[in-house]
Amino acid sequence: MMLSKPKKVKKSSRPTRDEFEMEELGNAIEEAYREKIEVIVTIWQREPLKGKITKLDGETKTVHILSEYETHKVKFIDILKVESAPR
């Protein structure tokens, strides 16, 4: 009896961005952190988060976002967009 190989499941890949886009995103994150403004962060394969950026961790390359009463640690590479939250 021949067993068939399991089929590979194709993972959806993270969108690719060039250096310019990554720098723009980094600047937007840094400004939101410095100004302590509330932002909406669009994250790859997750729901958008609304909150304030409380910490930028260069060692682990994560961004800490305080949303309501919970801090979410999001990898920088997973952040697709940062925009000011409506007041």
N, C-alpha and C. Protein backbone atom coordinates (compact mmCIF):
# COMPACT_ATOMS: atom_id res chain seq x y z
N MET A 1 0.84 -1.18 0.00
CA MET A 1 0.00 0.00 0.00
C MET A 1 0.89 1.25 0.00
N MET A 2 0.61 2.17 -0.91
CA MET A 2 1.39 3.41 -1.02
C MET A 2 0.69 4.52 -0.26
N LEU A 3 1.43 5.18 0.58
CA LEU A 3 0.88 6.35 1.27
C LEU A 3 1.25 7.60 0.48
N SER A 4 0.28 8.47 0.31
CA SER A 4 0.58 9.70 -0.41
C SER A 4 1.17 10.73 0.56
N LYS A 5 2.02 11.57 0.01
CA LYS A 5 2.64 12.61 0.82
C LYS A 5 1.57 13.62 1.21
N PRO A 6 1.68 14.14 2.43
CA PRO A 6 0.72 15.19 2.82
C PRO A 6 0.92 16.42 1.93
N LYS A 7 -0.17 17.05 1.57
CA LYS A 7 -0.08 18.24 0.72
C LYS A 7 0.40 19.41 1.55
N LYS A 8 1.26 20.21 0.94
CA LYS A 8 1.77 21.39 1.63
C LYS A 8 0.69 22.46 1.66
N VAL A 9 0.50 23.03 2.82
CA VAL A 9 -0.46 24.11 2.96
C VAL A 9 0.30 25.41 2.71
N LYS A 10 -0.16 26.17 1.74
CA LYS A 10 0.54 27.42 1.41
C LYS A 10 0.11 28.50 2.39
N LYS A 11 1.07 29.01 3.14
CA LYS A 11 0.80 30.11 4.07
C LYS A 11 0.72 31.40 3.26
N SER A 12 -0.17 32.28 3.69
CA SER A 12 -0.19 33.58 3.03
C SER A 12 1.03 34.35 3.53
N SER A 13 1.75 34.92 2.60
CA SER A 13 2.99 35.59 2.99
C SER A 13 2.74 37.05 3.32
N ARG A 14 3.57 37.56 4.20
CA ARG A 14 3.51 38.95 4.64
C ARG A 14 3.78 39.84 3.43
N PRO A 15 3.04 40.93 3.29
CA PRO A 15 3.30 41.83 2.16
C PRO A 15 4.73 42.37 2.18
N THR A 16 5.34 42.44 1.02
CA THR A 16 6.71 42.97 0.96
C THR A 16 6.66 44.48 0.82
N ARG A 17 7.61 45.12 1.48
CA ARG A 17 7.71 46.58 1.43
C ARG A 17 9.15 46.97 1.20
N ASP A 18 9.33 48.07 0.51
CA ASP A 18 10.69 48.52 0.24
C ASP A 18 11.23 49.35 1.42
N GLU A 19 12.50 49.72 1.30
CA GLU A 19 13.15 50.48 2.38
C GLU A 19 12.43 51.78 2.71
N PHE A 20 11.98 52.47 1.65
CA PHE A 20 11.30 53.74 1.84
C PHE A 20 10.03 53.57 2.66
N GLU A 21 9.23 52.54 2.32
CA GLU A 21 7.98 52.28 3.06
C GLU A 21 8.27 51.93 4.52
N MET A 22 9.31 51.13 4.74
CA MET A 22 9.67 50.74 6.10
C MET A 22 10.12 51.95 6.91
N GLU A 23 10.87 52.86 6.29
CA GLU A 23 11.33 54.05 6.98
C GLU A 23 10.15 54.97 7.31
N GLU A 24 9.22 55.13 6.36
CA GLU A 24 8.02 55.95 6.60
C GLU A 24 7.21 55.39 7.78
N LEU A 25 7.04 54.07 7.80
CA LEU A 25 6.31 53.42 8.87
C LEU A 25 7.02 53.61 10.21
N GLY A 26 8.33 53.45 10.21
CA GLY A 26 9.12 53.65 11.43
C GLY A 26 8.99 55.07 11.95
N ASN A 27 9.00 56.04 11.05
CA ASN A 27 8.84 57.44 11.44
C ASN A 27 7.46 57.70 12.04
N ALA A 28 6.43 57.12 11.43
CA ALA A 28 5.06 57.30 11.94
C ALA A 28 4.92 56.70 13.33
N ILE A 29 5.51 55.53 13.54
CA ILE A 29 5.46 54.87 14.85
C ILE A 29 6.20 55.70 15.88
N GLU A 30 7.38 56.17 15.52
CA GLU A 30 8.20 56.97 16.43
C GLU A 30 7.49 58.27 16.82
N GLU A 31 6.86 58.91 15.84
CA GLU A 31 6.14 60.16 16.11
C GLU A 31 4.95 59.91 17.04
N ALA A 32 4.21 58.84 16.80
CA ALA A 32 3.06 58.51 17.65
C ALA A 32 3.53 58.22 19.08
N TYR A 33 4.68 57.58 19.21
CA TYR A 33 5.25 57.27 20.52
C TYR A 33 5.68 58.56 21.23
N ARG A 34 6.40 59.41 20.51
CA ARG A 34 6.92 60.66 21.08
C ARG A 34 5.80 61.61 21.48
N GLU A 35 4.79 61.75 20.61
CA GLU A 35 3.70 62.70 20.84
C GLU A 35 2.61 62.13 21.75
N LYS A 36 2.69 60.83 22.05
CA LYS A 36 1.71 60.14 22.90
C LYS A 36 0.28 60.31 22.37
N ILE A 37 0.15 60.17 21.04
CA ILE A 37 -1.17 60.29 20.43
C ILE A 37 -1.79 58.90 20.23
N GLU A 38 -3.11 58.86 20.24
CA GLU A 38 -3.81 57.60 20.02
C GLU A 38 -3.82 57.30 18.52
N VAL A 39 -3.51 56.06 18.19
CA VAL A 39 -3.42 55.66 16.79
C VAL A 39 -4.20 54.38 16.53
N ILE A 40 -4.46 54.13 15.27
CA ILE A 40 -5.02 52.85 14.84
C ILE A 40 -3.90 52.15 14.08
N VAL A 41 -3.53 50.96 14.55
CA VAL A 41 -2.43 50.21 13.97
C VAL A 41 -3.02 49.02 13.21
N THR A 42 -2.76 48.97 11.91
CA THR A 42 -3.20 47.85 11.09
C THR A 42 -2.09 46.80 11.13
N ILE A 43 -2.47 45.57 11.51
CA ILE A 43 -1.50 44.50 11.72
C ILE A 43 -1.81 43.34 10.78
N TRP A 44 -0.76 42.76 10.24
CA TRP A 44 -0.90 41.64 9.31
C TRP A 44 -1.60 40.45 10.00
N GLN A 45 -2.67 39.97 9.38
CA GLN A 45 -3.45 38.82 9.84
C GLN A 45 -4.01 38.96 11.25
N ARG A 46 -4.30 40.20 11.67
CA ARG A 46 -4.92 40.44 12.97
C ARG A 46 -5.88 41.61 12.84
N GLU A 47 -6.71 41.77 13.84
CA GLU A 47 -7.61 42.91 13.88
C GLU A 47 -6.79 44.18 14.15
N PRO A 48 -7.21 45.32 13.59
CA PRO A 48 -6.51 46.57 13.90
C PRO A 48 -6.61 46.90 15.39
N LEU A 49 -5.60 47.54 15.93
CA LEU A 49 -5.58 47.94 17.34
C LEU A 49 -5.68 49.45 17.44
N LYS A 50 -6.49 49.92 18.37
CA LYS A 50 -6.58 51.35 18.64
C LYS A 50 -5.98 51.56 20.02
N GLY A 51 -4.98 52.43 20.11
CA GLY A 51 -4.36 52.68 21.40
C GLY A 51 -3.15 53.60 21.28
N LYS A 52 -2.37 53.62 22.36
CA LYS A 52 -1.16 54.45 22.39
C LYS A 52 0.07 53.56 22.43
N ILE A 53 1.09 53.98 21.72
CA ILE A 53 2.35 53.24 21.71
C ILE A 53 3.11 53.63 22.97
N THR A 54 3.38 52.62 23.81
CA THR A 54 4.01 52.90 25.11
C THR A 54 5.49 52.56 25.15
N LYS A 55 5.94 51.69 24.23
CA LYS A 55 7.35 51.31 24.26
C LYS A 55 7.77 50.83 22.87
N LEU A 56 8.99 51.20 22.50
CA LEU A 56 9.61 50.70 21.28
C LEU A 56 10.80 49.87 21.71
N ASP A 57 10.73 48.56 21.52
CA ASP A 57 11.80 47.68 21.97
C ASP A 57 12.67 47.27 20.78
N GLY A 58 13.82 47.92 20.67
CA GLY A 58 14.74 47.64 19.56
C GLY A 58 15.40 46.29 19.66
N GLU A 59 15.53 45.78 20.88
CA GLU A 59 16.18 44.49 21.07
C GLU A 59 15.34 43.35 20.50
N THR A 60 14.03 43.37 20.77
CA THR A 60 13.15 42.31 20.29
C THR A 60 12.38 42.75 19.05
N LYS A 61 12.59 43.99 18.61
CA LYS A 61 11.91 44.57 17.44
C LYS A 61 10.39 44.49 17.59
N THR A 62 9.91 44.85 18.79
CA THR A 62 8.47 44.88 19.04
C THR A 62 8.03 46.29 19.42
N VAL A 63 6.75 46.53 19.17
CA VAL A 63 6.12 47.79 19.52
C VAL A 63 5.04 47.45 20.54
N HIS A 64 5.06 48.11 21.69
CA HIS A 64 4.07 47.86 22.73
C HIS A 64 2.94 48.87 22.59
N ILE A 65 1.72 48.36 22.46
CA ILE A 65 0.56 49.23 22.24
C ILE A 65 -0.42 49.01 23.38
N LEU A 66 -0.75 50.09 24.10
CA LEU A 66 -1.72 50.02 25.19
C LEU A 66 -3.09 50.31 24.60
N SER A 67 -3.92 49.25 24.58
CA SER A 67 -5.27 49.36 24.05
C SER A 67 -6.23 49.07 25.19
N GLU A 68 -6.99 50.08 25.58
CA GLU A 68 -7.86 50.02 26.75
C GLU A 68 -6.99 49.70 27.97
N TYR A 69 -7.08 48.49 28.54
CA TYR A 69 -6.30 48.18 29.74
C TYR A 69 -5.30 47.06 29.50
N GLU A 70 -5.03 46.76 28.24
CA GLU A 70 -4.14 45.65 27.91
C GLU A 70 -3.02 46.11 26.99
N THR A 71 -1.81 45.65 27.25
CA THR A 71 -0.67 45.98 26.40
C THR A 71 -0.45 44.83 25.42
N HIS A 72 -0.41 45.18 24.14
CA HIS A 72 -0.16 44.21 23.08
C HIS A 72 1.25 44.42 22.57
N LYS A 73 2.00 43.34 22.43
CA LYS A 73 3.35 43.42 21.87
C LYS A 73 3.28 42.92 20.44
N VAL A 74 3.58 43.82 19.50
CA VAL A 74 3.45 43.52 18.08
C VAL A 74 4.81 43.64 17.43
N LYS A 75 5.18 42.65 16.61
CA LYS A 75 6.45 42.72 15.89
C LYS A 75 6.36 43.85 14.87
N PHE A 76 7.43 44.63 14.79
CA PHE A 76 7.48 45.75 13.85
C PHE A 76 7.17 45.29 12.42
N ILE A 77 7.71 44.15 12.05
CA ILE A 77 7.55 43.65 10.68
C ILE A 77 6.08 43.33 10.36
N ASP A 78 5.26 43.07 11.40
CA ASP A 78 3.85 42.75 11.18
C ASP A 78 2.96 43.99 11.07
N ILE A 79 3.50 45.16 11.37
CA ILE A 79 2.69 46.38 11.29
C ILE A 79 2.63 46.85 9.85
N LEU A 80 1.42 47.01 9.34
CA LEU A 80 1.23 47.43 7.96
C LEU A 80 0.99 48.93 7.83
N LYS A 81 0.29 49.51 8.82
CA LYS A 81 -0.05 50.92 8.70
C LYS A 81 -0.32 51.49 10.09
N VAL A 82 0.03 52.78 10.27
CA VAL A 82 -0.25 53.50 11.51
C VAL A 82 -0.91 54.80 11.11
N GLU A 83 -2.09 55.08 11.68
CA GLU A 83 -2.77 56.33 11.39
C GLU A 83 -3.38 56.90 12.67
N SER A 84 -3.52 58.22 12.70
CA SER A 84 -4.10 58.87 13.87
C SER A 84 -5.54 58.42 14.05
N ALA A 85 -5.89 58.15 15.30
CA ALA A 85 -7.27 57.74 15.61
C ALA A 85 -8.16 58.98 15.60
N PRO A 86 -9.39 58.86 15.09
CA PRO A 86 -10.30 60.01 15.13
C PRO A 86 -10.64 60.37 16.57
N ARG A 87 -10.79 61.65 16.84
CA ARG A 87 -11.06 62.10 18.21
C ARG A 87 -12.53 62.14 18.49
